[in-house]
C-alpha cells in the first residue's frame, strides 16, 4: 500500500499526481496518508524532520526553511509570534517550495509553469534556481528583477508563460504540495509544547489556515491528543474563503483596516518587520490571549549580493574605460542605484587584485584618490578634479 495519494476533497476521486484542482469538479486536491504516523526526526533540521507526515520523496530539497523563531512577545497575555520572515526568501511559502522542488526533482520534471503570485513566484524561482529545468512564468514582466537576476549564471532557463507546451507541469499557489509544506508550521508549534489555545493566521485565500487545519487533523489521526483553534483573520472588506467554510476547528474573524495598521505598528515598535496584511494576525492574538500569531513574511529577501557585486564591478570597469580616472564619489554619481559604500568596497577589492591603479592628487589640504584601470594609457586628470 502506498504511503500517500492525492484526493479531491469534494468528489473524492484519487489521483497519482498533485493536480492544482480536481480535473472533474474543480475542487481542491489534497495529499492523504494511508496510515498517518507522526514521529520527529530530531537529527534533522527544517521541515523534513516531520517526514513521516510528508510525501516520502527520495530527493528531499531544503535550503534552510522551517524551524522559524517562536517568541513569547507578550508574557502577560501569553502571546507568541511565529516569525516566518526567517525563512530563506523571508516568506512562509518557502516551506511549500521545498516540497514542490523535491517533487520536481524526484519525478525528473524538466518543464514547469508558475501561475503568478508574488511571494510564491519569488520563493519557487529561488528554490528551482539550481535545477536543470525550463520555467515558464506567468506575468513575467511583473516579476521582481532580483528574482530573475539569480538566474544569470544558472542552469535554469526562464521563459514567458505563452511559450509553454503540453509537457509543462503547471503549479499555482493553491496546490496539494503547498499545503504539505505549510502544515509544518503547526507541527513546529506542537513540537515546542507551549501552553496555547489558538493559532492565528492572516488570511486572503485561506490556504494557510486550511493547511494548519489539515496538519491538526493528521496529528489527531496519528493518535495524538491535540487541541488548537485555528483562527483565520481576514480584512473586513473580503469574503470568507470558500475552502474554509464549514471546517471544524477553524474560526473566521474579521478586522478593519485601522486594526491592521495598528497591528503592524505594534509589531514594528517591538522590532518585528513585516507587511501590514501579514501583521493582522497579531492584534487578534493579543485580544484572544493564549495564542500564537503567525507572521507570514517580512522584508528579508534572499541574497543576490554576489550578482550585484559582479554587475557593479563591470559598471566600474566600463566607466573607467570610457571616462578615465575617477574618484569613488564620481563613479557613484554615475550609478546611484548602488550604495557609495558598495562602490568603495568594490574598488578596494579591485585595487587588492591589481585590477586598478590609484592616483593621489593634493588639492589644498585634501588628498583626492583617483582610480584608473591598470595597463591603460595615462589620462589627464584635469577634467576629473571637481567632486
Protein backbone atom coordinates (compact mmCIF):
# COMPACT_ATOMS: atom_id res chain seq x y z
CA UNK A 1 0.00 0.00 0.00
CA UNK A 2 1.28 3.47 -0.91
CA UNK A 3 2.07 5.74 1.99
CA UNK A 4 0.14 8.64 0.40
CA UNK A 5 -2.07 9.57 -2.54
CA UNK A 6 -3.80 12.66 -3.90
CA UNK A 7 -7.54 13.06 -3.43
CA UNK A 8 -10.23 15.58 -4.31
CA UNK A 9 -11.93 16.93 -1.19
CA UNK A 10 -15.34 17.07 -2.95
CA UNK A 11 -15.83 14.20 -5.41
CA UNK A 12 -13.27 12.01 -3.55
CA UNK A 13 -11.56 10.85 -6.75
CA UNK A 14 -7.97 9.66 -6.26
CA UNK A 15 -5.02 10.70 -8.43
CA UNK A 16 -1.39 9.74 -8.83
CA UNK A 17 -0.21 13.34 -9.37
CA UNK A 18 -0.81 16.60 -7.47
CA UNK A 19 -3.31 18.47 -9.63
CA UNK A 20 -3.82 22.10 -8.65
CA UNK A 21 -7.55 21.48 -8.96
CA UNK A 22 -9.64 18.37 -9.47
CA UNK A 23 -9.99 17.80 -13.25
CA UNK A 24 -13.53 16.50 -12.67
CA UNK A 25 -15.13 19.05 -10.31
CA UNK A 26 -12.50 21.82 -9.96
CA UNK A 27 -12.30 21.39 -6.17
CA UNK A 28 -9.18 21.39 -4.04
CA UNK A 29 -6.93 18.32 -4.25
CA UNK A 30 -5.00 17.29 -1.12
CA UNK A 31 -2.49 14.66 -0.06
CA UNK A 32 -3.82 11.88 2.15
CA UNK A 33 -1.85 9.27 4.11
CA UNK A 34 -2.89 5.63 4.29
CA UNK A 35 -1.64 5.15 7.86
CA UNK A 36 -0.91 8.55 9.46
CA UNK A 37 2.07 8.37 11.80
CA UNK A 38 3.88 11.25 13.47
CA UNK A 39 7.48 10.93 14.54
CA UNK A 40 10.00 13.76 14.80
CA UNK A 41 13.49 13.12 13.47
CA UNK A 42 15.37 15.44 15.81
CA UNK A 43 18.64 14.85 13.99
CA UNK A 44 17.28 16.79 11.02
CA UNK A 45 16.67 20.50 10.76
CA UNK A 46 13.80 22.08 8.89
CA UNK A 47 10.55 20.67 7.63
CA UNK A 48 11.85 17.20 6.71
CA UNK A 49 12.17 16.31 10.39
CA UNK A 50 8.41 15.61 10.02
CA UNK A 51 8.88 13.29 7.03
CA UNK A 52 6.51 10.65 8.44
CA UNK A 53 3.67 13.04 7.58
CA UNK A 54 5.15 14.36 4.35
CA UNK A 55 5.42 12.71 0.92
CA UNK A 56 8.32 10.22 1.08
CA UNK A 57 10.35 11.59 -1.81
CA UNK A 58 13.78 10.04 -2.24
CA UNK A 59 15.03 13.54 -3.03
CA UNK A 60 14.27 15.97 -0.21
CA UNK A 61 15.31 19.53 -1.08
CA UNK A 62 15.98 22.04 1.68
CA UNK A 63 17.53 25.50 1.65
CA UNK A 64 17.14 26.16 5.35
CA UNK A 65 13.39 26.69 5.57
CA UNK A 66 11.44 25.89 8.72
CA UNK A 67 12.19 25.91 12.46
CA UNK A 68 11.46 29.63 12.48
CA UNK A 69 11.51 31.50 15.82
CA UNK A 70 8.59 31.10 18.20
CA UNK A 71 8.84 34.10 20.51
CA UNK A 72 6.81 34.91 23.62
CA UNK A 73 6.30 38.55 22.75
CA UNK A 74 3.68 39.30 25.43
CA UNK A 75 4.19 37.24 28.57
CA UNK A 76 1.34 38.89 30.44
CA UNK A 77 -1.23 37.71 27.87
CA UNK A 78 0.74 34.61 26.83
CA UNK A 79 1.02 35.70 23.19
CA UNK A 80 3.68 34.27 20.88
CA UNK A 81 4.67 35.12 17.35
CA UNK A 82 5.84 32.53 14.84
CA UNK A 83 8.11 34.66 12.68
CA UNK A 84 8.25 33.25 9.15
CA UNK A 85 10.41 36.07 7.82
CA UNK A 86 13.40 33.99 8.92
CA UNK A 87 12.89 31.60 6.00
CA UNK A 88 15.34 31.92 3.07
CA UNK A 89 13.25 34.35 0.99
CA UNK A 90 11.56 35.87 4.04
CA UNK A 91 8.25 34.09 3.47
CA UNK A 92 6.28 31.15 4.82
CA UNK A 93 5.86 29.78 1.28
CA UNK A 94 9.49 28.62 1.28
CA UNK A 95 8.20 25.55 3.12
CA UNK A 96 5.99 24.76 0.14
CA UNK A 97 8.71 25.48 -2.40
CA UNK A 98 10.94 22.89 -0.70
CA UNK A 99 8.23 20.24 -1.16
CA UNK A 100 7.42 21.26 -4.75
CA UNK A 101 11.10 21.29 -5.75
CA UNK A 102 11.54 17.86 -4.16
CA UNK A 103 8.62 16.57 -6.24
CA UNK A 104 10.09 18.12 -9.40
CA UNK A 105 13.49 16.50 -8.73
CA UNK A 106 12.00 13.14 -7.76
CA UNK A 107 10.00 12.94 -10.97
CA UNK A 108 12.61 14.46 -13.31
CA UNK A 109 10.23 17.18 -14.45
CA UNK A 110 12.01 19.42 -16.93
CA UNK A 111 9.31 21.98 -17.78
CA UNK A 112 7.49 23.95 -15.08
CA UNK A 113 4.89 26.68 -15.37
CA UNK A 114 4.28 29.07 -12.47
CA UNK A 115 0.98 30.93 -12.20
CA UNK A 116 1.97 34.31 -10.83
CA UNK A 117 1.53 35.05 -7.15
CA UNK A 118 4.14 37.47 -5.82
CA UNK A 119 5.71 35.66 -2.86
CA UNK A 120 5.01 32.19 -4.24
CA UNK A 121 6.72 33.05 -7.53
CA UNK A 122 9.69 34.61 -5.76
CA UNK A 123 10.12 31.61 -3.49
CA UNK A 124 9.71 28.92 -6.14
CA UNK A 125 12.12 30.66 -8.52
CA UNK A 126 14.67 30.73 -5.71
CA UNK A 127 14.26 27.03 -4.95
CA UNK A 128 14.38 25.98 -8.61
CA UNK A 129 17.46 28.07 -9.30
CA UNK A 130 19.95 25.17 -9.41
CA UNK A 131 17.67 22.70 -11.22
CA UNK A 132 18.18 21.89 -14.90
CA UNK A 133 14.66 22.93 -15.88
CA UNK A 134 12.77 25.32 -18.10
CA UNK A 135 10.45 27.64 -16.16
CA UNK A 136 7.55 29.41 -17.81
CA UNK A 137 6.49 32.37 -15.64
CA UNK A 138 3.05 33.90 -15.95
CA UNK A 139 3.08 37.71 -15.91
CA UNK A 140 6.87 37.68 -16.11
CA UNK A 141 7.05 41.44 -16.67
CA UNK A 142 5.76 41.97 -13.13
CA UNK A 143 8.33 39.60 -11.64
CA UNK A 144 10.86 41.29 -9.39
CA UNK A 145 14.14 41.93 -11.20
CA UNK A 146 16.02 40.38 -8.27
CA UNK A 147 14.20 37.10 -8.84
CA UNK A 148 15.38 36.98 -12.44
CA UNK A 149 18.95 38.16 -11.69
CA UNK A 150 19.54 35.00 -9.70
CA UNK A 151 19.34 33.01 -12.93
CA UNK A 152 22.13 34.85 -14.77
CA UNK A 153 24.60 32.03 -14.09
CA UNK A 154 22.03 29.29 -13.57
CA UNK A 155 21.33 26.05 -15.41
CA UNK A 156 17.68 27.07 -15.36
CA UNK A 157 16.06 28.67 -18.41
CA UNK A 158 13.37 31.32 -17.82
CA UNK A 159 10.69 31.79 -20.48
CA UNK A 160 7.37 33.56 -20.87
CA UNK A 161 4.23 31.64 -19.97
CA UNK A 162 3.00 31.70 -23.58
CA UNK A 163 5.95 29.50 -24.61
CA UNK A 164 4.83 26.53 -22.51
CA UNK A 165 3.68 23.32 -24.17
CA UNK A 166 1.63 20.25 -23.22
CA UNK A 167 4.61 18.73 -21.38
CA UNK A 168 4.75 21.65 -18.95
CA UNK A 169 3.57 20.94 -15.40
CA UNK A 170 1.75 23.98 -14.02
CA UNK A 171 1.97 24.99 -10.35
CA UNK A 172 -0.23 27.60 -8.75
CA UNK A 173 -0.12 28.70 -5.13
CA UNK A 174 -3.14 26.59 -4.15
CA UNK A 175 -1.97 23.02 -4.74
CA UNK A 176 -1.52 19.84 -2.65
CA UNK A 177 2.24 20.28 -2.23
CA UNK A 178 1.86 23.86 -0.99
CA UNK A 179 -0.47 22.58 1.72
CA UNK A 180 2.02 19.86 2.74
CA UNK A 181 4.76 22.43 3.23
CA UNK A 182 2.63 24.96 5.13
CA UNK A 183 1.18 22.48 7.62
CA UNK A 184 4.67 22.05 9.11
CA UNK A 185 4.16 25.40 10.86
CA UNK A 186 1.62 23.66 13.09
CA UNK A 187 3.97 20.69 13.62
CA UNK A 188 6.68 23.07 14.86
CA UNK A 189 4.29 24.74 17.30
CA UNK A 190 3.19 21.33 18.56
CA UNK A 191 6.81 20.22 18.98
CA UNK A 192 7.55 23.23 21.21
CA UNK A 193 4.83 22.04 23.63
CA UNK A 194 3.76 25.54 24.67
CA UNK A 195 0.53 26.18 26.55
CA UNK A 196 -1.66 27.98 23.99
CA UNK A 197 -5.21 27.63 22.75
CA UNK A 198 -5.23 29.46 19.40
CA UNK A 199 -3.09 29.62 16.29
CA UNK A 200 -3.94 32.87 14.49
CA UNK A 201 -3.08 33.35 10.81
CA UNK A 202 -3.56 36.18 8.29
CA UNK A 203 -5.90 35.04 5.54
CA UNK A 204 -6.71 36.01 1.98
CA UNK A 205 -7.42 32.81 0.02
CA UNK A 206 -7.44 30.54 3.07
CA UNK A 207 -4.62 28.20 2.00
CA UNK A 208 -2.52 28.67 5.13
CA UNK A 209 -5.46 28.23 7.53
CA UNK A 210 -6.57 25.13 5.64
CA UNK A 211 -3.03 23.73 5.76
CA UNK A 212 -2.85 24.12 9.54
CA UNK A 213 -6.31 22.56 9.86
CA UNK A 214 -5.09 19.59 7.81
CA UNK A 215 -1.95 19.24 9.93
CA UNK A 216 -4.05 19.32 13.10
CA UNK A 217 -6.37 16.62 11.76
CA UNK A 218 -3.42 14.42 10.81
CA UNK A 219 -1.89 14.67 14.28
CA UNK A 220 -5.19 13.51 15.71
CA UNK A 221 -5.46 10.73 13.12
CA UNK A 222 -1.99 9.64 14.24
CA UNK A 223 -3.39 9.18 17.76
CA UNK A 224 -2.17 12.39 19.39
CA UNK A 225 -4.29 14.45 21.79
CA UNK A 226 -4.01 17.90 20.22
CA UNK A 227 -6.38 20.80 20.82
CA UNK A 228 -5.87 24.09 18.96
CA UNK A 229 -8.32 26.55 17.47
CA UNK A 230 -7.25 27.78 14.05
CA UNK A 231 -8.23 31.45 13.76
CA UNK A 232 -8.27 32.80 10.19
CA UNK A 233 -8.11 36.60 10.22
CA UNK A 234 -9.40 38.40 7.14
CA UNK A 235 -9.89 42.02 6.19
CA UNK A 236 -13.43 43.23 6.81
CA UNK A 237 -13.69 44.06 3.11
CA UNK A 238 -13.07 40.45 2.00
CA UNK A 239 -15.36 37.48 1.70
CA UNK A 240 -14.85 34.30 3.71
CA UNK A 241 -12.60 31.94 1.69
CA UNK A 242 -14.60 29.09 0.20
CA UNK A 243 -12.16 26.36 1.28
CA UNK A 244 -12.61 27.29 4.96
CA UNK A 245 -16.40 27.11 5.06
CA UNK A 246 -17.75 24.54 7.45
CA UNK A 247 -14.37 23.40 8.76
CA UNK A 248 -14.37 22.29 12.38
CA UNK A 249 -11.63 23.93 14.46
CA UNK A 250 -11.37 26.89 12.04
CA UNK A 251 -12.94 30.19 13.04
CA UNK A 252 -13.08 33.29 10.81
CA UNK A 253 -12.50 36.69 12.38
CA UNK A 254 -12.65 40.00 10.50
CA UNK A 255 -10.60 43.11 11.23
CA UNK A 256 -10.80 46.67 9.94
CA UNK A 257 -8.07 48.48 8.00
CA UNK A 258 -7.43 50.57 11.11
CA UNK A 259 -6.86 47.43 13.18
CA UNK A 260 -4.49 46.06 10.53
CA UNK A 261 -2.38 49.23 10.66
CA UNK A 262 -2.47 49.22 14.46
CA UNK A 263 -1.27 45.62 14.48
CA UNK A 264 1.52 46.49 12.05
CA UNK A 265 2.65 49.43 14.19
CA UNK A 266 2.61 47.41 17.42
CA UNK A 267 4.82 44.77 15.88
CA UNK A 268 7.13 47.36 14.35
CA UNK A 269 7.61 49.02 17.75
CA UNK A 270 8.66 45.61 19.07
CA UNK A 271 11.24 45.24 16.32
CA UNK A 272 9.22 42.86 14.12
CA UNK A 273 9.30 43.95 10.47
CA UNK A 274 6.59 42.56 8.25
CA UNK A 275 3.92 43.62 5.79
CA UNK A 276 0.63 45.08 7.09
CA UNK A 277 -1.54 42.16 5.87
CA UNK A 278 0.88 39.69 7.42
CA UNK A 279 0.69 41.59 10.72
CA UNK A 280 -3.09 41.45 11.13
CA UNK A 281 -2.94 38.14 12.99
CA UNK A 282 -1.17 39.80 15.91
CA UNK A 283 -3.93 42.12 17.12
CA UNK A 284 -6.40 39.22 17.19
CA UNK A 285 -3.93 37.00 19.07
CA UNK A 286 -3.40 39.81 21.57
CA UNK A 287 -7.14 40.17 22.17
CA UNK A 288 -7.73 36.42 22.47
CA UNK A 289 -4.67 35.77 24.66
CA UNK A 290 -3.02 32.35 24.96
CA UNK A 291 -2.32 32.46 21.25
CA UNK A 292 0.35 32.17 18.58
CA UNK A 293 0.23 34.77 15.82
CA UNK A 294 1.83 33.51 12.62
CA UNK A 295 3.73 36.32 10.87
CA UNK A 296 3.90 35.04 7.34
CA UNK A 297 6.52 37.25 5.75
CA UNK A 298 8.92 40.12 6.22
CA UNK A 299 11.21 42.39 4.25
CA UNK A 300 14.09 39.94 4.13
CA UNK A 301 14.99 38.76 0.64
CA UNK A 302 17.44 36.13 -0.43
CA UNK A 303 20.93 37.34 -1.15
CA UNK A 304 21.85 38.47 -4.64
CA UNK A 305 24.97 40.24 -3.38
CA UNK A 306 27.33 38.10 -5.47
CA UNK A 307 25.39 39.05 -8.61
CA UNK A 308 25.18 42.73 -7.71
CA UNK A 309 28.89 42.85 -6.83
CA UNK A 310 29.85 41.35 -10.18
CA UNK A 311 27.48 43.73 -12.02
CA UNK A 312 28.81 46.75 -10.08
CA UNK A 313 32.37 45.78 -10.93
CA UNK A 314 31.50 45.65 -14.63
CA UNK A 315 29.85 49.09 -14.39
CA UNK A 316 33.02 50.48 -12.80
CA UNK A 317 35.24 48.94 -15.48
CA UNK A 318 33.06 50.41 -18.23
CA UNK A 319 33.10 53.88 -16.63
CA UNK A 320 36.87 53.91 -16.11
CA UNK A 321 37.42 52.69 -19.66
CA UNK A 322 35.15 55.40 -21.04
CA UNK A 323 35.95 58.36 -18.81
CA UNK A 324 39.44 57.67 -17.49
CA UNK A 325 40.48 58.23 -13.84
CA UNK A 326 37.56 58.87 -11.47
CA UNK A 327 37.03 59.16 -7.73
CA UNK A 328 34.75 56.72 -5.93
CA UNK A 329 32.24 59.53 -5.49
CA UNK A 330 32.26 60.37 -9.20
CA UNK A 331 31.69 56.72 -10.04
CA UNK A 332 28.81 56.51 -7.58
CA UNK A 333 27.16 59.61 -9.08
CA UNK A 334 27.04 57.75 -12.40
CA UNK A 335 25.43 54.61 -10.91
CA UNK A 336 23.39 55.79 -7.88
CA UNK A 337 21.34 52.57 -7.71
CA UNK A 338 24.32 51.14 -5.84
CA UNK A 339 25.45 52.42 -2.46
CA UNK A 340 28.54 54.61 -2.13
CA UNK A 341 29.83 52.10 0.41
CA UNK A 342 29.42 49.32 -2.16
CA UNK A 343 31.43 51.33 -4.72
CA UNK A 344 34.26 51.88 -2.20
CA UNK A 345 34.28 48.19 -1.28
CA UNK A 346 34.40 47.03 -4.90
CA UNK A 347 37.18 49.48 -5.76
CA UNK A 348 39.18 48.31 -2.73
CA UNK A 349 38.87 44.69 -3.86
CA UNK A 350 39.88 45.64 -7.41
CA UNK A 351 42.90 47.51 -6.01
CA UNK A 352 43.97 44.48 -3.95
CA UNK A 353 43.67 42.27 -7.05
CA UNK A 354 45.79 44.66 -9.10
CA UNK A 355 42.93 45.50 -11.46
CA UNK A 356 43.08 49.27 -10.85
CA UNK A 357 45.83 51.73 -10.05
CA UNK A 358 45.42 54.56 -7.57
CA UNK A 359 46.49 58.13 -8.22
CA UNK A 360 46.65 60.54 -5.26
CA UNK A 361 46.37 64.23 -6.01
CA UNK A 362 46.79 67.00 -3.46
CA UNK A 363 44.15 69.71 -3.52
CA UNK A 364 44.84 72.22 -0.81
CA UNK A 365 44.61 70.36 2.49
CA UNK A 366 42.80 67.43 0.85
CA UNK A 367 44.15 64.34 -0.78
CA UNK A 368 41.91 63.06 -3.54
CA UNK A 369 42.14 59.43 -4.64
CA UNK A 370 41.51 58.61 -8.28
CA UNK A 371 41.14 55.14 -9.71
CA UNK A 372 42.18 54.05 -13.21
CA UNK A 373 42.27 50.72 -14.95
CA UNK A 374 45.68 49.05 -14.94
CA UNK A 375 47.51 48.80 -18.26
CA UNK A 376 45.52 51.68 -19.71
CA UNK A 377 47.27 54.73 -21.18
CA UNK A 378 47.77 57.67 -18.84
CA UNK A 379 44.90 60.13 -18.76
CA UNK A 380 44.94 63.79 -17.82
CA UNK A 381 43.19 64.41 -14.52
CA UNK A 382 42.19 67.93 -15.45
CA UNK A 383 38.62 67.00 -16.29
CA UNK A 384 38.04 64.93 -13.17
CA UNK A 385 39.02 67.22 -10.33
CA UNK A 386 35.63 68.53 -9.29
CA UNK A 387 33.53 66.49 -6.91
